[in-house]
Amino acid sequence: MAKLTEEQRAFLANPYVATATTLRDDGSPHNTIVWIDSEGDNVVFNTAEGRAKPRHLRDDPRVAITVVDPENTHKWLSVSGRAELTREGADEHIDRLAKKYLGEDTYPWHDPSSPRLKVTITPEHVDAVGLDE
């Protein structure tokens, strides 16, 4: 298991969006933009039931995320590993992300027909440029 450095965790605390890559049934990559956070050495994002990401991750838990500093594209972090999905704490997590990204106390687009899922990535590989130098 790879570990995030303090500087990498601090980088993830910024409200920079990430590209999350999951694998379709045929093995081809599927990229989407997600809000990102870290919890210890794990990287965490949020999604909802009914979307492609949970379906892909249940079939194959391998996932990668890449975050790029929008002010300096030579500063980025990429983490790949395996994901675990849970509904436990997912609503609270999306509210924390809404605060980080929107300045809102609660996520404004809650849809009870699409329960939230918290996706936790245990890093296996961490690549970074412009960090820890």
Protein backbone atom coordinates (compact mmCIF):
# COMPACT_ATOMS: atom_id res chain seq x y z
CA MET A 1 0.00 0.00 0.00
CA ALA A 2 1.27 3.46 -0.92
CA LYS A 3 0.94 6.36 1.49
CA LEU A 4 0.16 10.00 0.88
CA THR A 5 2.64 12.57 2.15
CA GLU A 6 1.54 15.54 4.25
CA GLU A 7 1.99 17.82 1.23
CA GLN A 8 -0.12 15.53 -0.95
CA ARG A 9 -2.90 15.47 1.68
CA ALA A 10 -2.74 19.27 1.88
CA PHE A 11 -2.98 19.43 -1.92
CA LEU A 12 -6.16 17.32 -1.83
CA ALA A 13 -7.65 19.74 0.71
CA ASN A 14 -7.89 22.37 -2.05
CA PRO A 15 -11.19 22.64 -3.93
CA TYR A 16 -9.67 21.23 -7.12
CA VAL A 17 -11.79 18.77 -9.06
CA ALA A 18 -10.38 15.36 -9.94
CA THR A 19 -10.77 13.07 -12.89
CA ALA A 20 -11.82 9.61 -11.70
CA THR A 21 -11.17 6.69 -14.01
CA THR A 22 -13.09 3.44 -13.65
CA LEU A 23 -13.15 0.45 -15.99
CA ARG A 24 -16.11 -0.54 -18.13
CA ASP A 25 -17.12 -4.19 -18.61
CA ASP A 26 -15.03 -4.34 -21.78
CA GLY A 27 -11.96 -3.00 -19.92
CA SER A 28 -12.02 0.43 -21.53
CA PRO A 29 -11.53 3.46 -19.25
CA HIS A 30 -14.42 5.70 -18.19
CA ASN A 31 -13.46 9.18 -16.96
CA THR A 32 -15.63 11.52 -14.92
CA ILE A 33 -15.07 14.65 -12.87
CA VAL A 34 -15.53 14.28 -9.11
CA TRP A 35 -15.10 16.27 -5.94
CA ILE A 36 -12.26 14.79 -3.92
CA ASP A 37 -11.00 14.60 -0.36
CA SER A 38 -8.64 12.51 1.73
CA GLU A 39 -9.08 10.59 4.95
CA GLY A 40 -5.69 9.60 6.29
CA ASP A 41 -3.89 7.85 3.45
CA ASN A 42 -7.12 7.13 1.58
CA VAL A 43 -8.63 9.25 -1.17
CA VAL A 44 -12.39 9.71 -1.03
CA PHE A 45 -15.03 10.87 -3.49
CA ASN A 46 -18.80 10.66 -3.62
CA THR A 47 -21.26 9.42 -6.20
CA ALA A 48 -24.84 8.16 -6.39
CA GLU A 49 -26.57 4.88 -7.11
CA GLY A 50 -27.60 4.53 -10.73
CA ARG A 51 -24.46 6.13 -12.13
CA ALA A 52 -21.78 4.32 -14.12
CA LYS A 53 -19.04 4.65 -11.47
CA PRO A 54 -20.68 2.43 -8.83
CA ARG A 55 -21.61 -0.18 -11.43
CA HIS A 56 -18.05 -0.25 -12.77
CA LEU A 57 -16.46 -0.34 -9.31
CA ARG A 58 -18.66 -3.22 -8.15
CA ASP A 59 -17.53 -5.20 -11.19
CA ASP A 60 -13.87 -4.17 -10.91
CA PRO A 61 -12.71 -2.09 -7.93
CA ARG A 62 -9.61 -0.72 -9.67
CA VAL A 63 -9.76 3.06 -9.92
CA ALA A 64 -7.49 6.04 -10.51
CA ILE A 65 -7.88 9.73 -9.80
CA THR A 66 -5.85 12.66 -11.03
CA VAL A 67 -5.99 16.17 -9.55
CA VAL A 68 -4.35 19.12 -11.30
CA ASP A 69 -3.75 22.56 -9.78
CA PRO A 70 -5.76 24.85 -12.12
CA GLU A 71 -3.23 27.66 -11.57
CA ASN A 72 -0.16 25.49 -12.25
CA THR A 73 -0.61 22.47 -14.51
CA HIS A 74 2.89 21.31 -13.57
CA LYS A 75 1.54 20.51 -10.10
CA TRP A 76 -0.58 17.38 -9.98
CA LEU A 77 -1.29 14.21 -8.04
CA SER A 78 -2.44 10.84 -9.35
CA VAL A 79 -3.54 7.99 -7.11
CA SER A 80 -4.56 4.51 -8.21
CA GLY A 81 -5.77 1.64 -6.13
CA ARG A 82 -8.88 -0.27 -5.18
CA ALA A 83 -12.18 1.27 -4.16
CA GLU A 84 -14.70 0.38 -1.49
CA LEU A 85 -18.25 1.74 -1.70
CA THR A 86 -20.55 2.40 1.24
CA ARG A 87 -23.75 4.26 1.96
CA GLU A 88 -22.67 4.70 5.57
CA GLY A 89 -21.69 8.34 6.07
CA ALA A 90 -22.19 9.14 2.38
CA ASP A 91 -24.80 11.89 2.93
CA GLU A 92 -22.60 13.61 5.51
CA HIS A 93 -19.62 13.25 3.20
CA ILE A 94 -21.36 14.91 0.23
CA ASP A 95 -22.41 17.74 2.55
CA ARG A 96 -18.74 18.24 3.58
CA LEU A 97 -17.77 18.28 -0.08
CA ALA A 98 -20.53 20.81 -0.82
CA LYS A 99 -19.05 23.06 1.87
CA LYS A 100 -15.58 22.68 0.36
CA TYR A 101 -16.58 23.19 -3.29
CA LEU A 102 -19.69 25.38 -3.09
CA GLY A 103 -19.54 27.05 0.32
CA GLU A 104 -22.94 25.43 1.07
CA ASP A 105 -23.70 23.63 4.34
CA THR A 106 -25.67 20.93 2.55
CA TYR A 107 -25.47 19.40 -0.91
CA PRO A 108 -28.20 21.23 -2.86
CA TRP A 109 -29.06 18.43 -5.27
CA HIS A 110 -29.97 15.58 -2.90
CA ASP A 111 -32.18 13.10 -4.74
CA PRO A 112 -33.77 10.47 -2.47
CA SER A 113 -34.27 8.18 -5.47
CA SER A 114 -30.47 8.02 -5.96
CA PRO A 115 -28.84 7.29 -2.60
CA ARG A 116 -25.34 8.67 -2.12
CA LEU A 117 -22.27 6.45 -1.99
CA LYS A 118 -18.92 7.22 -0.43
CA VAL A 119 -16.03 5.79 -2.45
CA THR A 120 -12.80 5.17 -0.56
CA ILE A 121 -9.64 4.47 -2.54
CA THR A 122 -6.83 2.63 -0.82
CA PRO A 123 -3.74 3.82 -2.69
CA GLU A 124 -1.53 1.26 -4.38
CA HIS A 125 0.39 3.79 -6.50
CA VAL A 126 0.90 7.53 -5.94
CA ASP A 127 2.49 9.74 -8.59
CA ALA A 128 3.00 13.47 -8.15
CA VAL A 129 4.69 16.36 -9.91
CA GLY A 130 5.38 19.68 -8.21
CA LEU A 131 4.75 18.29 -4.73
CA ASP A 132 7.24 17.08 -2.10
CA GLU A 133 10.16 18.76 -3.80
